[in-house]
Structure formats: C-alpha cells, structure tokens
C-alpha atoms as a PDB file:
ATOM      1  CA  MET A   1       0.000   0.000   0.000  1.00  0.00           C
ATOM      2  CA  VAL A   2       1.349   3.402  -1.017  1.00  0.00           C
ATOM      3  CA  LEU A   3       1.375   6.085   1.668  1.00  0.00           C
ATOM      4  CA  GLN A   4      -1.429   8.585   1.140  1.00  0.00           C
ATOM      5  CA  VAL A   5      -1.850  11.925   2.901  1.00  0.00           C
ATOM      6  CA  ILE A   6      -4.973  13.951   2.144  1.00  0.00           C
ATOM      7  CA  SER A   7      -5.776  17.086   4.129  1.00  0.00           C
ATOM      8  CA  SER A   8      -9.484  17.534   4.719  1.00  0.00           C
ATOM      9  CA  PHE A   9      -9.641  21.318   4.477  1.00  0.00           C
ATOM     10  CA  LYS A  10      -6.580  22.559   2.531  1.00  0.00           C
ATOM     11  CA  GLY A  11      -8.094  22.289  -0.939  1.00  0.00           C
ATOM     12  CA  GLN A  12      -5.214  20.269  -2.367  1.00  0.00           C
ATOM     13  CA  THR A  13      -7.283  18.980  -5.311  1.00  0.00           C
ATOM     14  CA  SER A  14     -10.110  20.149  -7.551  1.00  0.00           C
ATOM     15  CA  ASN A  15     -12.218  17.235  -6.362  1.00  0.00           C
ATOM     16  CA  GLY A  16     -15.262  17.744  -4.218  1.00  0.00           C
ATOM     17  CA  THR A  17     -15.499  16.413  -0.651  1.00  0.00           C
ATOM     18  CA  LEU A  18     -17.478  13.500   0.732  1.00  0.00           C
ATOM     19  CA  TYR A  19     -18.910  14.399   4.140  1.00  0.00           C
ATOM     20  CA  LEU A  20     -20.036  11.575   6.432  1.00  0.00           C
ATOM     21  CA  VAL A  21     -22.838  13.151   8.431  1.00  0.00           C
ATOM     22  CA  PRO A  22     -24.392  11.488  11.503  1.00  0.00           C
ATOM     23  CA  THR A  23     -28.103  11.905  12.099  1.00  0.00           C
ATOM     24  CA  PRO A  24     -30.041  11.554  15.375  1.00  0.00           C
ATOM     25  CA  ILE A  25     -30.814   8.034  16.585  1.00  0.00           C
ATOM     26  CA  GLY A  26     -34.136   9.236  17.946  1.00  0.00           C
ATOM     27  CA  ASN A  27     -34.095  12.688  19.515  1.00  0.00           C
ATOM     28  CA  LEU A  28     -33.876  15.445  16.900  1.00  0.00           C
ATOM     29  CA  GLY A  29     -32.222  17.652  19.501  1.00  0.00           C
ATOM     30  CA  ASP A  30     -29.074  15.583  19.039  1.00  0.00           C
ATOM     31  CA  MET A  31     -28.525  16.956  15.539  1.00  0.00           C
ATOM     32  CA  THR A  32     -25.384  19.106  15.710  1.00  0.00           C
ATOM     33  CA  SER A  33     -25.212  22.622  14.333  1.00  0.00           C
ATOM     34  CA  ARG A  34     -22.294  21.567  12.130  1.00  0.00           C
ATOM     35  CA  ALA A  35     -24.299  18.682  10.649  1.00  0.00           C
ATOM     36  CA  ILE A  36     -27.149  21.073   9.838  1.00  0.00           C
ATOM     37  CA  GLU A  37     -24.701  23.499   8.251  1.00  0.00           C
ATOM     38  CA  VAL A  38     -23.023  20.839   6.100  1.00  0.00           C
ATOM     39  CA  LEU A  39     -26.311  19.344   4.882  1.00  0.00           C
ATOM     40  CA  GLY A  40     -27.430  22.818   3.884  1.00  0.00           C
ATOM     41  CA  GLU A  41     -24.210  23.714   2.051  1.00  0.00           C
ATOM     42  CA  VAL A  42     -23.382  20.554   0.075  1.00  0.00           C
ATOM     43  CA  ASP A  43     -24.609  20.074  -3.483  1.00  0.00           C
ATOM     44  CA  LEU A  44     -26.149  16.659  -2.930  1.00  0.00           C
ATOM     45  CA  ILE A  45     -27.146  14.304  -0.094  1.00  0.00           C
ATOM     46  CA  ALA A  46     -26.742  10.543  -0.583  1.00  0.00           C
ATOM     47  CA  ALA A  47     -29.370   9.080   1.748  1.00  0.00           C
ATOM     48  CA  GLU A  48     -30.137   5.526   2.836  1.00  0.00           C
ATOM     49  CA  ASP A  49     -33.867   6.307   2.635  1.00  0.00           C
ATOM     50  CA  THR A  50     -34.739   9.623   1.014  1.00  0.00           C
ATOM     51  CA  ARG A  51     -38.209   9.615   2.615  1.00  0.00           C
ATOM     52  CA  ASN A  52     -36.803   9.407   6.149  1.00  0.00           C
ATOM     53  CA  THR A  53     -34.091  11.943   5.431  1.00  0.00           C
ATOM     54  CA  GLN A  54     -36.603  14.351   3.872  1.00  0.00           C
ATOM     55  CA  LYS A  55     -38.452  14.513   7.197  1.00  0.00           C
ATOM     56  CA  LEU A  56     -35.172  15.505   8.860  1.00  0.00           C
ATOM     57  CA  LEU A  57     -34.402  18.090   6.185  1.00  0.00           C
ATOM     58  CA  ASN A  58     -37.891  19.574   6.460  1.00  0.00           C
ATOM     59  CA  HIS A  59     -37.513  19.893  10.233  1.00  0.00           C
ATOM     60  CA  PHE A  60     -34.337  21.934   9.834  1.00  0.00           C
ATOM     61  CA  ASN A  61     -35.492  23.831   6.716  1.00  0.00           C
ATOM     62  CA  ILE A  62     -32.824  22.286   4.480  1.00  0.00           C
ATOM     63  CA  SER A  63     -33.586  22.234   0.741  1.00  0.00           C
ATOM     64  CA  THR A  64     -30.576  20.282  -0.589  1.00  0.00           C
ATOM     65  CA  LYS A  65     -31.406  17.671  -3.233  1.00  0.00           C
ATOM     66  CA  GLN A  66     -31.134  13.966  -2.389  1.00  0.00           C
ATOM     67  CA  ILE A  67     -30.161  10.766  -4.163  1.00  0.00           C
ATOM     68  CA  SER A  68     -30.867   7.294  -2.777  1.00  0.00           C
ATOM     69  CA  PHE A  69     -27.857   5.277  -1.632  1.00  0.00           C
ATOM     70  CA  HIS A  70     -28.646   2.010   0.136  1.00  0.00           C
ATOM     71  CA  GLU A  71     -27.450  -1.611   0.334  1.00  0.00           C
ATOM     72  CA  HIS A  72     -29.396  -2.635  -2.768  1.00  0.00           C
ATOM     73  CA  ASN A  73     -27.998  -0.007  -5.165  1.00  0.00           C
ATOM     74  CA  THR A  74     -24.492   0.482  -3.748  1.00  0.00           C
ATOM     75  CA  GLN A  75     -22.575  -0.901  -6.732  1.00  0.00           C
ATOM     76  CA  GLU A  76     -24.676   1.075  -9.194  1.00  0.00           C
ATOM     77  CA  ARG A  77     -24.478   4.358  -7.294  1.00  0.00           C
ATOM     78  CA  ILE A  78     -20.800   4.466  -6.255  1.00  0.00           C
ATOM     79  CA  PRO A  79     -19.317   5.147  -9.733  1.00  0.00           C
ATOM     80  CA  LYS A  80     -21.879   7.906 -10.320  1.00  0.00           C
ATOM     81  CA  LEU A  81     -21.216   9.538  -6.950  1.00  0.00           C
ATOM     82  CA  VAL A  82     -17.453   9.350  -7.428  1.00  0.00           C
ATOM     83  CA  GLU A  83     -17.737  10.968 -10.862  1.00  0.00           C
ATOM     84  CA  LYS A  84     -19.791  13.797  -9.388  1.00  0.00           C
ATOM     85  CA  LEU A  85     -17.192  14.297  -6.642  1.00  0.00           C
ATOM     86  CA  LYS A  86     -14.393  14.392  -9.239  1.00  0.00           C
ATOM     87  CA  THR A  87     -16.129  17.313 -10.963  1.00  0.00           C
ATOM     88  CA  GLY A  88     -15.972  19.332  -7.743  1.00  0.00           C
ATOM     89  CA  ILE A  89     -19.429  18.565  -6.366  1.00  0.00           C
ATOM     90  CA  ASN A  90     -19.623  18.179  -2.573  1.00  0.00           C
ATOM     91  CA  ILE A  91     -21.730  15.297  -1.270  1.00  0.00           C
ATOM     92  CA  ALA A  92     -22.988  14.444   2.222  1.00  0.00           C
ATOM     93  CA  GLN A  93     -23.725  10.805   2.972  1.00  0.00           C
ATOM     94  CA  VAL A  94     -26.251   9.918   5.681  1.00  0.00           C
ATOM     95  CA  SER A  95     -27.909   6.794   7.024  1.00  0.00           C
ATOM     96  CA  ASP A  96     -31.381   6.679   8.555  1.00  0.00           C
ATOM     97  CA  ALA A  97     -29.978   7.064  12.070  1.00  0.00           C
ATOM     98  CA  GLY A  98     -26.554   7.447  13.620  1.00  0.00           C
ATOM     99  CA  MET A  99     -23.200   7.199  11.884  1.00  0.00           C
ATOM    100  CA  PRO A 100     -22.863   6.160   8.236  1.00  0.00           C
ATOM    101  CA  SER A 101     -20.867   2.948   7.630  1.00  0.00           C
ATOM    102  CA  ILE A 102     -21.719   1.455  11.059  1.00  0.00           C
ATOM    103  CA  SER A 103     -24.117  -1.375  10.117  1.00  0.00           C
ATOM    104  CA  ASP A 104     -25.294   0.931   7.317  1.00  0.00           C
ATOM    105  CA  PRO A 105     -24.117   1.797   3.777  1.00  0.00           C
ATOM    106  CA  GLY A 106     -21.025   3.960   3.430  1.00  0.00           C
ATOM    107  CA  HIS A 107     -17.851   1.933   3.720  1.00  0.00           C
ATOM    108  CA  GLU A 108     -17.632   1.017   0.034  1.00  0.00           C
ATOM    109  CA  LEU A 109     -18.143   4.641  -0.996  1.00  0.00           C
ATOM    110  CA  VAL A 110     -15.393   5.763   1.375  1.00  0.00           C
ATOM    111  CA  GLU A 111     -13.033   3.155  -0.113  1.00  0.00           C
ATOM    112  CA  ALA A 112     -13.813   4.329  -3.647  1.00  0.00           C
ATOM    113  CA  CYS A 113     -13.198   7.967  -2.705  1.00  0.00           C
ATOM    114  CA  ILE A 114      -9.870   7.186  -1.054  1.00  0.00           C
ATOM    115  CA  LYS A 115      -8.698   5.423  -4.233  1.00  0.00           C
ATOM    116  CA  GLU A 116      -9.491   8.567  -6.229  1.00  0.00           C
ATOM    117  CA  ASP A 117      -7.831  10.980  -3.760  1.00  0.00           C
ATOM    118  CA  ILE A 118     -11.194  12.492  -2.863  1.00  0.00           C
ATOM    119  CA  PRO A 119     -11.224  14.014   0.654  1.00  0.00           C
ATOM    120  CA  VAL A 120     -13.469  12.177   3.129  1.00  0.00           C
ATOM    121  CA  VAL A 121     -14.535  14.316   6.089  1.00  0.00           C
ATOM    122  CA  PRO A 122     -16.284  12.606   9.042  1.00  0.00           C
ATOM    123  CA  LEU A 123     -18.500  14.590  11.392  1.00  0.00           C
ATOM    124  CA  PRO A 124     -18.882  13.393  14.997  1.00  0.00           C
ATOM    125  CA  GLY A 125     -22.333  12.692  16.323  1.00  0.00           C
ATOM    126  CA  ALA A 126     -24.889  10.207  17.591  1.00  0.00           C
ATOM    127  CA  ASN A 127     -23.979   6.534  17.800  1.00  0.00           C
ATOM    128  CA  ALA A 128     -26.257   3.944  19.395  1.00  0.00           C
ATOM    129  CA  GLY A 129     -23.502   1.518  20.425  1.00  0.00           C
ATOM    130  CA  ILE A 130     -21.388   3.987  22.399  1.00  0.00           C
ATOM    131  CA  THR A 131     -24.464   5.699  23.840  1.00  0.00           C
ATOM    132  CA  ALA A 132     -25.685   2.357  25.207  1.00  0.00           C
ATOM    133  CA  LEU A 133     -22.252   1.269  26.412  1.00  0.00           C
ATOM    134  CA  ILE A 134     -21.573   4.238  28.690  1.00  0.00           C
ATOM    135  CA  ALA A 135     -24.924   3.815  30.462  1.00  0.00           C
ATOM    136  CA  SER A 136     -24.850   0.012  30.647  1.00  0.00           C
ATOM    137  CA  GLY A 137     -22.904  -0.268  33.890  1.00  0.00           C
ATOM    138  CA  LEU A 138     -20.645  -2.907  32.327  1.00  0.00           C
ATOM    139  CA  ILE A 139     -16.906  -2.345  31.862  1.00  0.00           C
ATOM    140  CA  PRO A 140     -16.696   0.234  29.026  1.00  0.00           C
ATOM    141  CA  GLN A 141     -13.171  -0.514  27.862  1.00  0.00           C
ATOM    142  CA  PRO A 142     -11.855  -2.401  26.190  1.00  0.00           C
ATOM    143  CA  PHE A 143     -14.964  -3.102  24.179  1.00  0.00           C
ATOM    144  CA  TYR A 144     -15.584  -5.026  20.979  1.00  0.00           C
ATOM    145  CA  PHE A 145     -18.162  -3.724  18.523  1.00  0.00           C
ATOM    146  CA  TYR A 146     -19.832  -6.493  16.527  1.00  0.00           C
ATOM    147  CA  GLY A 147     -23.113  -5.042  15.259  1.00  0.00           C
ATOM    148  CA  PHE A 148     -25.734  -7.393  13.816  1.00  0.00           C
ATOM    149  CA  LEU A 149     -25.171 -11.144  14.162  1.00  0.00           C
ATOM    150  CA  PRO A 150     -25.992 -13.391  11.184  1.00  0.00           C
ATOM    151  CA  ARG A 151     -29.698 -14.100  10.798  1.00  0.00           C
ATOM    152  CA  LYS A 152     -29.318 -17.809  10.025  1.00  0.00           C
ATOM    153  CA  ASN A 153     -29.477 -19.766  13.284  1.00  0.00           C
ATOM    154  CA  SER A 154     -26.481 -22.041  12.645  1.00  0.00           C
ATOM    155  CA  GLU A 155     -24.298 -19.150  11.486  1.00  0.00           C
ATOM    156  CA  GLN A 156     -25.302 -17.063  14.487  1.00  0.00           C
ATOM    157  CA  LYS A 157     -24.342 -19.850  16.904  1.00  0.00           C
ATOM    158  CA  GLN A 158     -21.009 -20.264  15.132  1.00  0.00           C
ATOM    159  CA  GLU A 159     -20.242 -16.562  15.458  1.00  0.00           C
ATOM    160  CA  LEU A 160     -21.150 -16.611  19.135  1.00  0.00           C
ATOM    161  CA  THR A 161     -18.836 -19.607  19.593  1.00  0.00           C
ATOM    162  CA  ASN A 162     -16.062 -17.612  17.940  1.00  0.00           C
ATOM    163  CA  LEU A 163     -16.740 -14.731  20.346  1.00  0.00           C
ATOM    164  CA  LYS A 164     -16.923 -16.927  23.451  1.00  0.00           C
ATOM    165  CA  GLY A 165     -13.362 -16.300  24.596  1.00  0.00           C
ATOM    166  CA  HIS A 166     -13.498 -12.506  24.310  1.00  0.00           C
ATOM    167  CA  THR A 167     -12.832 -10.825  27.643  1.00  0.00           C
ATOM    168  CA  SER A 168     -13.938  -7.415  26.322  1.00  0.00           C
ATOM    169  CA  THR A 169     -17.478  -6.094  26.636  1.00  0.00           C
ATOM    170  CA  ILE A 170     -19.251  -6.780  23.323  1.00  0.00           C
ATOM    171  CA  ILE A 171     -21.748  -4.503  21.563  1.00  0.00           C
ATOM    172  CA  PHE A 172     -24.451  -6.027  19.367  1.00  0.00           C
ATOM    173  CA  TYR A 173     -27.377  -4.545  17.460  1.00  0.00           C
ATOM    174  CA  GLU A 174     -30.622  -6.485  17.054  1.00  0.00           C
ATOM    175  CA  ALA A 175     -34.076  -6.029  15.554  1.00  0.00           C
ATOM    176  CA  PRO A 176     -37.086  -6.547  17.849  1.00  0.00           C
ATOM    177  CA  HIS A 177     -38.467  -9.584  15.975  1.00  0.00           C
ATOM    178  CA  ARG A 178     -35.143 -11.437  16.306  1.00  0.00           C
ATOM    179  CA  LEU A 179     -34.335 -10.515  19.913  1.00  0.00           C
ATOM    180  CA  LYS A 180     -35.720 -13.636  21.634  1.00  0.00           C
ATOM    181  CA  LYS A 181     -33.908 -16.030  19.309  1.00  0.00           C
ATOM    182  CA  THR A 182     -30.625 -14.132  19.707  1.00  0.00           C
ATOM    183  CA  LEU A 183     -30.858 -14.102  23.518  1.00  0.00           C
ATOM    184  CA  LYS A 184     -31.658 -17.827  23.494  1.00  0.00           C
ATOM    185  CA  ASN A 185     -28.594 -18.589  21.384  1.00  0.00           C
ATOM    186  CA  MET A 186     -26.406 -16.362  23.560  1.00  0.00           C
ATOM    187  CA  SER A 187     -27.564 -18.170  26.673  1.00  0.00           C
ATOM    188  CA  GLU A 188     -26.946 -21.600  25.127  1.00  0.00           C
ATOM    189  CA  VAL A 189     -23.517 -20.778  23.704  1.00  0.00           C
ATOM    190  CA  LEU A 190     -22.087 -18.282  26.208  1.00  0.00           C
ATOM    191  CA  GLY A 191     -23.640 -19.263  29.531  1.00  0.00           C
ATOM    192  CA  ASN A 192     -25.421 -17.002  31.986  1.00  0.00           C
ATOM    193  CA  ARG A 193     -23.441 -13.765  31.633  1.00  0.00           C
ATOM    194  CA  LYS A 194     -24.396 -10.241  32.628  1.00  0.00           C
ATOM    195  CA  VAL A 195     -26.135  -8.357  29.837  1.00  0.00           C
ATOM    196  CA  VAL A 196     -27.903  -5.051  29.269  1.00  0.00           C
ATOM    197  CA  LEU A 197     -30.650  -4.523  26.700  1.00  0.00           C
ATOM    198  CA  CYS A 198     -30.984  -0.916  25.584  1.00  0.00           C
ATOM    199  CA  ARG A 199     -33.972   0.110  23.505  1.00  0.00           C
ATOM    200  CA  GLU A 200     -35.487   3.299  22.090  1.00  0.00           C
ATOM    201  CA  LEU A 201     -32.307   5.213  22.924  1.00  0.00           C
ATOM    202  CA  THR A 202     -32.788   8.997  23.257  1.00  0.00           C
ATOM    203  CA  LYS A 203     -36.559   8.595  22.728  1.00  0.00           C
ATOM    204  CA  LYS A 204     -39.490   8.997  25.122  1.00  0.00           C
ATOM    205  CA  PHE A 205     -39.668   5.270  25.937  1.00  0.00           C
ATOM    206  CA  GLU A 206     -35.913   4.707  26.389  1.00  0.00           C
ATOM    207  CA  GLU A 207     -35.279   1.672  28.602  1.00  0.00           C
ATOM    208  CA  PHE A 208     -32.343  -0.271  30.000  1.00  0.00           C
ATOM    209  CA  ILE A 209     -33.036  -3.881  30.982  1.00  0.00           C
ATOM    210  CA  ARG A 210     -30.141  -5.073  33.153  1.00  0.00           C
ATOM    211  CA  GLY A 211     -29.566  -8.598  34.464  1.00  0.00           C
ATOM    212  CA  ASN A 212     -28.089 -11.885  33.341  1.00  0.00           C
ATOM    213  CA  LEU A 213     -28.995 -13.710  30.142  1.00  0.00           C
ATOM    214  CA  LYS A 214     -31.494 -15.958  31.931  1.00  0.00           C
ATOM    215  CA  GLU A 215     -33.266 -12.972  33.505  1.00  0.00           C
ATOM    216  CA  VAL A 216     -33.476 -10.897  30.340  1.00  0.00           C
ATOM    217  CA  MET A 217     -34.718 -13.953  28.449  1.00  0.00           C
ATOM    218  CA  GLU A 218     -37.608 -14.214  30.904  1.00  0.00           C
ATOM    219  CA  TRP A 219     -38.282 -10.496  30.434  1.00  0.00           C
ATOM    220  CA  ALA A 220     -38.285 -10.884  26.637  1.00  0.00           C
ATOM    221  CA  ILE A 221     -40.695 -13.826  26.789  1.00  0.00           C
ATOM    222  CA  THR A 222     -43.215 -11.968  28.954  1.00  0.00           C
ATOM    223  CA  SER A 223     -42.901  -8.495  27.428  1.00  0.00           C
ATOM    224  CA  GLU A 224     -44.011  -6.830  24.216  1.00  0.00           C
ATOM    225  CA  ILE A 225     -40.837  -6.340  22.207  1.00  0.00           C
ATOM    226  CA  ARG A 226     -40.694  -2.995  20.429  1.00  0.00           C
ATOM    227  CA  GLY A 227     -37.948  -0.759  19.134  1.00  0.00           C
ATOM    228  CA  GLU A 228     -34.422  -1.379  17.904  1.00  0.00           C
ATOM    229  CA  PHE A 229     -32.098  -2.895  20.508  1.00  0.00           C
ATOM    230  CA  VAL A 230     -28.481  -2.510  21.487  1.00  0.00           C
ATOM    231  CA  ILE A 231     -27.226  -5.519  23.444  1.00  0.00           C
ATOM    232  CA  ILE A 232     -24.262  -4.892  25.738  1.00  0.00           C
ATOM    233  CA  LEU A 233     -22.784  -8.258  26.734  1.00  0.00           C
ATOM    234  CA  ASP A 234     -20.263  -8.778  29.509  1.00  0.00           C
ATOM    235  CA  GLY A 235     -16.932 -10.277  28.475  1.00  0.00           C
ATOM    236  CA  ASN A 236     -15.721 -13.736  29.476  1.00  0.00           C
ATOM    237  CA  HIS A 237     -14.160 -13.304  32.932  1.00  0.00           C
ATOM    238  CA  ASP A 238     -14.360 -16.881  34.192  1.00  0.00           C
ATOM    239  CA  GLU A 239     -12.128 -19.904  33.744  1.00  0.00           C
ATOM    240  CA  GLN A 240     -13.227 -20.278  30.146  1.00  0.00           C
ATOM    241  CA  ALA A 241     -11.285 -17.132  29.335  1.00  0.00           C
ATOM    242  CA  GLU A 242      -8.117 -18.686  30.728  1.00  0.00           C
ATOM    243  CA  GLU A 243      -8.703 -21.907  28.837  1.00  0.00           C
ATOM    244  CA  SER A 244      -9.243 -20.020  25.590  1.00  0.00           C
ATOM    245  CA  LYS A 245      -5.848 -18.325  25.644  1.00  0.00           C
ATOM    246  CA  VAL A 246      -3.062 -19.430  23.354  1.00  0.00           C
ATOM    247  CA  THR A 247      -0.790 -22.137  24.819  1.00  0.00           C
ATOM    248  CA  MET A 248       2.502 -20.326  24.460  1.00  0.00           C
ATOM    249  CA  ASP A 249       4.789 -23.337  24.871  1.00  0.00           C
ATOM    250  CA  LEU A 250       3.506 -24.830  21.620  1.00  0.00           C
ATOM    251  CA  SER A 251       5.028 -24.063  18.222  1.00  0.00           C
ATOM    252  CA  ILE A 252       3.416 -21.261  16.235  1.00  0.00           C
ATOM    253  CA  GLU A 253       1.847 -23.779  13.882  1.00  0.00           C
ATOM    254  CA  ASP A 254       0.430 -25.812  16.775  1.00  0.00           C
ATOM    255  CA  GLN A 255      -0.902 -22.678  18.474  1.00  0.00           C
ATOM    256  CA  VAL A 256      -2.914 -21.879  15.361  1.00  0.00           C
ATOM    257  CA  ARG A 257      -4.126 -25.457  15.082  1.00  0.00           C
ATOM    258  CA  GLU A 258      -5.140 -25.468  18.759  1.00  0.00           C
ATOM    259  CA  LEU A 259      -7.339 -22.370  18.333  1.00  0.00           C
ATOM    260  CA  ILE A 260      -8.973 -23.839  15.239  1.00  0.00           C
ATOM    261  CA  GLU A 261      -9.727 -27.147  16.965  1.00  0.00           C
ATOM    262  CA  ASN A 262     -10.534 -25.991  20.518  1.00  0.00           C
ATOM    263  CA  ARG A 263     -12.199 -22.628  19.884  1.00  0.00           C
ATOM    264  CA  ASN A 264     -13.662 -23.348  16.462  1.00  0.00           C
ATOM    265  CA  LEU A 265     -11.922 -20.312  14.999  1.00  0.00           C
ATOM    266  CA  LYS A 266     -11.472 -19.961  11.285  1.00  0.00           C
ATOM    267  CA  PRO A 267      -7.799 -20.218  10.173  1.00  0.00           C
ATOM    268  CA  ASN A 268      -7.428 -16.494   9.514  1.00  0.00           C
ATOM    269  CA  GLN A 269      -8.951 -15.638  12.904  1.00  0.00           C
ATOM    270  CA  ALA A 270      -6.626 -18.092  14.647  1.00  0.00           C
ATOM    271  CA  ILE A 271      -3.606 -16.716  12.784  1.00  0.00           C
ATOM    272  CA  LYS A 272      -4.505 -13.171  13.816  1.00  0.00           C
ATOM    273  CA  GLU A 273      -4.899 -14.218  17.479  1.00  0.00           C
ATOM    274  CA  VAL A 274      -1.582 -16.094  17.553  1.00  0.00           C
ATOM    275  CA  ALA A 275       0.198 -13.170  15.914  1.00  0.00           C
ATOM    276  CA  LYS A 276      -1.183 -10.805  18.566  1.00  0.00           C
ATOM    277  CA  GLU A 277      -0.247 -13.071  21.506  1.00  0.00           C
ATOM    278  CA  ASN A 278       3.295 -13.620  20.218  1.00  0.00           C
ATOM    279  CA  GLY A 279       3.983 -10.067  19.091  1.00  0.00           C
ATOM    280  CA  LEU A 280       4.432 -11.179  15.482  1.00  0.00           C
ATOM    281  CA  LYS A 281       3.145  -9.875  12.193  1.00  0.00           C
ATOM    282  CA  LYS A 282       0.110 -11.700  10.862  1.00  0.00           C
ATOM    283  CA  GLN A 283       1.958 -12.517   7.627  1.00  0.00           C
ATOM    284  CA  GLU A 284       4.761 -14.214   9.568  1.00  0.00           C
ATOM    285  CA  VAL A 285       2.307 -16.507  11.342  1.00  0.00           C
ATOM    286  CA  TYR A 286       0.460 -17.136   8.084  1.00  0.00           C
ATOM    287  CA  ASN A 287       3.690 -18.222   6.390  1.00  0.00           C
ATOM    288  CA  LEU A 288       4.677 -20.506   9.275  1.00  0.00           C
ATOM    289  CA  TYR A 289       1.267 -22.150   9.448  1.00  0.00           C
ATOM    290  CA  HIS A 290       1.083 -22.733   5.699  1.00  0.00           C
ATOM    291  CA  HIS A 291       4.781 -23.702   5.425  1.00  0.00           C
ATOM    292  CA  LEU A 292       5.618 -20.838   3.081  1.00  0.00           C
ATOM    293  CA  ASP A 293       9.136 -19.503   2.664  1.00  0.00           C
END
C-alpha cells in the first residue's frame, strides 16, 4: 500500500469532498449545528432512505437535493457519486440514524473515494452503540463492537462460539423480531453472563433492561418487544477465558491449530490471534502455518 496523505480542508485537489454526516438516533435535539450546516451547504445528499431523510431536512429547513444510496444499489451508485465528486461537487452521505458505515451503507463509498484521492470528512455525532455502552454499567473498555449477528441460526451460533473467549465487553445490534432467538442462542452458547438490553435510545420510551442472560430472556418472553435494541454483553471473565488463551509453549503452527480445533476459529482468525499473543506480524504466522518460505 502506497502512503497517502490527504488534508481535509486545505483544498489540495479540484475534487469535491465527501462528508459523512451522523443523524439523530431518535431525539432530533441531538442533531449538531455543524451537521445542519453541512447538509445545507453541500450540493447533494446521498441518503439511505430519502423519505426518512426528507423529514429531517424539512424539520431543519434544508432544501438540498437527495439521491438514494442504500445496500441494494451500492454498486450502481458508487461510480456515479465518485464521478460527481471528481467534478468538484460536494456530497454528504447519511444513514437513517446514527453514523454512516456502522451497520449501514457507506464503507464502500469511502473506499472508492480514497482510491481517487477524494477528501473524506467525518462529522462526529450520535452513535447507538457507544451511547448504550456508557450507560450500561458494564466495563466500558476495552470493548468489541460487533453489530448485527448473522440471521441464520447455525451461522449465528457459530459466530457466538467464535466470540466466546473474548474478555472485552461486546456490543451487538438487534431487531425486535429477532431478539428472543438471539438471547436464546447467547444463553446456550455463552452461559449465563451479565447483559444489558438498551432500547429506544434517546426517545421517550428509552429503557435499559439489566440482568443476566437468563433474567433478560424471561423479560423478553413476557414483554411486548418494540424498538431497535443494542445488546451490551459482559466479556468472558471466568475460567473459560483462561482456557481459551493461546498455549505459548507450543510451536506457532500448533498454536494456530489449537485455536482452530478448541475454539472453532477460522484459520485467519486463529492466525490473527496467535500473531497478537506472540507479538508477530500476521503474515509471519500465516507463512509458518502454511509452510511458506
């Protein structure tokens, strides 16, 4: 990879700028004055859902034109947006709520802009995961952000198995209609850990449901599940965490093999873990495991 240095505000190129603009996750009062200013000044807004974003624009009297940019038209839209940026047009990208690129469209557009030396300017703002984490009461750092687990039951259980040895607090997102199934799988795979369910963040009916997995499962079964959820899960602090660590007296190759067999990690995940524990580069461990010169 060639070193690249692009200043956000020095006007080094004739290209336009891609602004990544966060929107409120519920309470419109959380919209920053800078976000309002940028959305009003750019030439175009690339929105996940133009209908939702139009309501926001109307509230703040913003008349900037929109273009749809969501997971189903990403590949079609990116070349067009990049071409517009290369002509000097400034574009703001927004998701329906929170930060673009976090479980929402945006990452691929950022990658494409970086390749074309187009400045990418992120604005700080609302984020459901961090908002939930700091009020959860669980250890806030280190934390591991995961987002949405796979929808397929077998794949979800496999991912939870892969995450079982993490000692960091883990942040998940989940839709209301999948919450019970996800909590059930967490309980079966991870045991009865502490967990906090956070729903309707920043809204009138904001709630935090704190307990262990068994307790929140009982709550979910007997309650009407509404609103998008953030799940803050306690890390693995028991003996399982010790057992899941790399056995350092083994060879590098055997350490990788042990993690694959005992923790059901995929080879690349195991290689990354072994590299971290041994202070080696990932490529070095990869070469040793695959017997490459």
